[in-house]
N, C-alpha and C. Protein backbone atom coordinates (compact mmCIF):
# COMPACT_ATOMS: atom_id res chain seq x y z
N MET A 1 50.28 127.43 60.04
CA MET A 1 51.59 127.78 59.60
C MET A 1 52.82 127.53 61.04
N LEU A 2 54.06 127.00 60.46
CA LEU A 2 54.92 126.84 61.29
C LEU A 2 55.62 128.28 61.54
N ASN A 3 56.37 128.11 62.42
CA ASN A 3 57.19 129.65 62.83
C ASN A 3 58.38 129.74 61.74
N GLU A 4 58.72 128.81 61.26
CA GLU A 4 59.70 128.71 60.09
C GLU A 4 59.40 129.15 58.67
N GLU A 5 58.01 128.62 58.50
CA GLU A 5 57.00 129.36 57.57
C GLU A 5 57.05 130.66 57.31
N GLN A 6 55.91 131.24 58.44
CA GLN A 6 56.27 132.58 58.36
C GLN A 6 57.76 133.61 58.25
N ASN A 7 58.83 132.96 58.96
CA ASN A 7 59.84 133.82 58.52
C ASN A 7 60.45 133.39 57.46
N GLY A 8 60.22 132.50 56.34
CA GLY A 8 60.45 132.00 55.43
C GLY A 8 61.85 131.46 55.20
N ASN A 9 62.14 130.57 56.80
CA ASN A 9 63.12 129.65 56.79
C ASN A 9 62.60 128.34 56.47
N PHE A 10 62.48 127.60 55.29
CA PHE A 10 62.09 126.59 55.25
C PHE A 10 63.50 125.30 55.69
N ALA A 11 64.37 125.54 55.52
CA ALA A 11 65.57 124.92 55.58
C ALA A 11 65.89 124.04 56.78
N LYS A 12 65.45 124.48 57.88
CA LYS A 12 66.01 123.85 58.86
C LYS A 12 64.93 122.42 59.17
N PRO A 13 63.69 122.85 59.04
CA PRO A 13 62.95 121.43 59.03
C PRO A 13 63.11 120.45 57.89
N VAL A 14 63.34 120.64 56.64
CA VAL A 14 64.05 119.85 55.62
C VAL A 14 65.39 119.32 55.72
N LEU A 15 66.55 119.50 56.57
CA LEU A 15 67.43 119.46 56.96
C LEU A 15 67.58 118.32 57.82
N GLY A 16 66.36 118.18 58.58
CA GLY A 16 66.24 117.73 59.67
C GLY A 16 66.37 115.74 59.18
N ALA A 17 65.70 115.49 57.66
CA ALA A 17 65.56 114.50 57.68
C ALA A 17 66.69 114.12 56.30
N VAL A 18 67.48 114.93 56.11
CA VAL A 18 68.61 114.53 55.16
C VAL A 18 70.00 113.58 55.81
N VAL A 19 70.16 112.74 55.07
CA VAL A 19 70.95 111.55 55.42
C VAL A 19 72.25 111.96 54.78
N PHE A 20 73.12 111.59 55.41
CA PHE A 20 74.58 111.58 54.68
C PHE A 20 74.69 111.42 53.11
N SER A 21 74.04 110.46 52.84
CA SER A 21 74.68 110.03 51.21
C SER A 21 73.54 110.81 50.59
N ASN A 22 72.80 112.02 50.99
CA ASN A 22 72.47 113.07 49.99
C ASN A 22 73.08 113.96 49.79
N VAL A 23 74.50 114.17 50.48
CA VAL A 23 75.48 115.26 50.21
C VAL A 23 76.16 115.15 48.81
N ARG A 24 75.85 116.37 48.28
CA ARG A 24 76.76 116.38 46.78
C ARG A 24 77.95 116.93 46.99
N GLU A 25 78.00 117.49 47.76
CA GLU A 25 79.24 118.64 48.05
C GLU A 25 79.58 118.90 48.94
N SER A 26 80.72 118.95 49.69
CA SER A 26 81.18 119.66 50.60
C SER A 26 82.65 120.39 50.40
N LYS A 27 83.09 121.94 50.85
CA LYS A 27 83.82 122.43 50.53
C LYS A 27 83.99 123.64 51.58
N LEU A 28 85.29 123.96 51.82
CA LEU A 28 85.86 124.87 52.68
C LEU A 28 86.25 125.91 51.86
N LYS A 29 85.31 126.98 51.64
CA LYS A 29 85.61 128.38 51.19
C LYS A 29 85.69 129.33 51.94
N LYS A 30 86.23 130.52 50.92
CA LYS A 30 86.34 131.95 51.72
C LYS A 30 85.31 132.79 51.27
N SER A 31 84.65 133.70 52.48
CA SER A 31 83.51 134.15 52.02
C SER A 31 83.48 135.62 51.57
N MET A 32 82.71 135.51 49.97
CA MET A 32 82.91 136.73 49.43
C MET A 32 81.40 137.69 49.99
N ARG A 33 80.83 137.42 51.35
CA ARG A 33 79.84 138.28 51.61
C ARG A 33 79.40 137.64 52.89
N LYS A 34 78.57 138.65 53.61
CA LYS A 34 78.31 137.83 55.21
C LYS A 34 77.53 137.10 54.81
N ARG A 35 77.63 136.17 55.89
CA ARG A 35 76.75 134.95 55.75
C ARG A 35 76.62 134.18 57.47
N GLN A 36 75.63 133.50 57.10
CA GLN A 36 75.28 133.05 58.77
C GLN A 36 75.22 131.75 58.80
N CYS A 37 75.71 131.73 59.89
CA CYS A 37 76.18 129.58 60.29
C CYS A 37 74.81 129.29 60.47
N PHE A 38 75.00 127.94 59.86
CA PHE A 38 73.31 127.44 59.65
C PHE A 38 73.06 126.58 61.48
N LYS A 39 74.43 126.33 62.01
CA LYS A 39 73.85 125.63 63.23
C LYS A 39 74.18 126.57 64.67
N CYS A 40 74.95 127.83 64.48
CA CYS A 40 74.93 128.45 66.10
C CYS A 40 74.13 129.74 65.51
N GLU A 41 73.72 130.12 64.22
CA GLU A 41 73.67 131.24 63.86
C GLU A 41 74.68 132.18 63.99
N GLY A 42 75.79 131.84 63.94
CA GLY A 42 76.72 133.16 64.37
C GLY A 42 76.72 133.95 62.99
N LYS A 43 77.69 135.09 62.67
CA LYS A 43 77.93 135.60 61.82
C LYS A 43 79.22 134.97 61.12
N ILE A 44 79.01 134.89 59.80
CA ILE A 44 80.35 134.65 59.05
C ILE A 44 80.54 135.89 58.14
N GLU A 45 81.63 136.83 58.30
CA GLU A 45 82.30 137.93 57.89
C GLU A 45 82.85 137.89 56.74
N LYS A 46 82.73 138.41 55.32
CA LYS A 46 83.53 138.61 54.33
C LYS A 46 84.97 138.48 54.50
N GLY A 47 85.46 137.60 54.05
CA GLY A 47 87.11 137.18 54.04
C GLY A 47 87.12 136.03 55.06
N GLU A 48 86.12 135.38 55.67
CA GLU A 48 86.21 134.44 56.79
C GLU A 48 86.41 132.85 55.89
N THR A 49 86.55 131.83 56.34
CA THR A 49 86.63 130.67 55.49
C THR A 49 85.56 130.06 56.68
N TYR A 50 84.59 129.34 55.87
CA TYR A 50 83.41 128.55 56.29
C TYR A 50 83.39 127.39 55.30
N MET A 51 82.81 126.37 56.35
CA MET A 51 82.26 125.03 55.55
C MET A 51 81.02 125.24 54.45
N ASN A 52 80.94 124.53 53.64
CA ASN A 52 79.77 124.81 52.33
C ASN A 52 79.53 123.47 52.15
N HIS A 53 78.43 122.81 52.39
CA HIS A 53 77.77 121.53 52.06
C HIS A 53 76.34 122.07 51.47
N GLN A 54 76.09 121.27 49.77
CA GLN A 54 75.13 120.82 49.47
C GLN A 54 74.19 119.53 49.52
N PHE A 55 73.16 119.59 49.86
CA PHE A 55 72.39 118.21 49.98
C PHE A 55 71.41 118.38 48.92
N ARG A 56 71.28 116.80 48.23
CA ARG A 56 70.24 116.99 47.50
C ARG A 56 68.93 116.61 48.06
N TYR A 57 67.46 117.09 48.20
CA TYR A 57 66.80 116.89 48.48
C TYR A 57 65.14 117.25 48.02
N ASP A 58 64.62 116.01 47.85
CA ASP A 58 63.04 115.95 47.12
C ASP A 58 63.09 116.99 46.00
N TYR A 59 64.29 116.21 45.51
CA TYR A 59 64.73 117.63 43.72
C TYR A 59 65.16 118.55 43.94
N ARG A 60 65.43 119.11 44.89
CA ARG A 60 66.12 120.33 45.12
C ARG A 60 67.75 120.14 45.63
N ILE A 61 68.14 121.73 45.43
CA ILE A 61 69.59 121.45 46.16
C ILE A 61 69.70 122.72 47.00
N ILE A 62 70.02 122.05 48.36
CA ILE A 62 69.90 123.07 49.43
C ILE A 62 71.66 123.41 49.87
N THR A 63 71.95 124.42 49.54
CA THR A 63 73.18 125.20 50.35
C THR A 63 73.52 125.47 51.71
N VAL A 64 74.12 124.83 52.73
CA VAL A 64 74.06 125.67 53.98
C VAL A 64 75.53 126.25 54.28
N SER A 65 75.82 126.94 55.50
CA SER A 65 77.27 127.60 55.80
C SER A 65 77.03 127.54 57.10
N PHE A 66 78.64 126.64 57.38
CA PHE A 66 78.72 126.65 58.96
C PHE A 66 80.29 126.85 59.15
N CYS A 67 80.27 127.85 60.12
CA CYS A 67 81.34 128.39 60.51
C CYS A 67 82.59 127.85 60.98
N ASN A 68 83.84 128.13 61.22
CA ASN A 68 84.58 127.17 61.37
C ASN A 68 84.41 126.59 62.80
N ASN A 69 83.76 127.24 63.98
CA ASN A 69 83.49 126.89 65.05
C ASN A 69 82.55 125.77 65.09
N CYS A 70 81.69 125.47 64.46
CA CYS A 70 80.98 124.29 64.33
C CYS A 70 81.20 123.19 63.41
N THR A 71 82.35 123.36 62.50
CA THR A 71 82.41 122.43 61.78
C THR A 71 83.18 121.27 62.19
């Protein structure tokens, strides 16, 4: 098993193959709970704005969050 599979993080290997045409939606949102940035793994605190991207991949919808520094 890969290290990501052991930790339950399947999104990073999957998103490596995502092309821009698979993006369903991109929105600037205000966080209603604590989140983690997908790129820098920094914290997104409740009340902060962040960029939310939804991807369609292999008949699944994958949602990732990016902090303001990484957008």
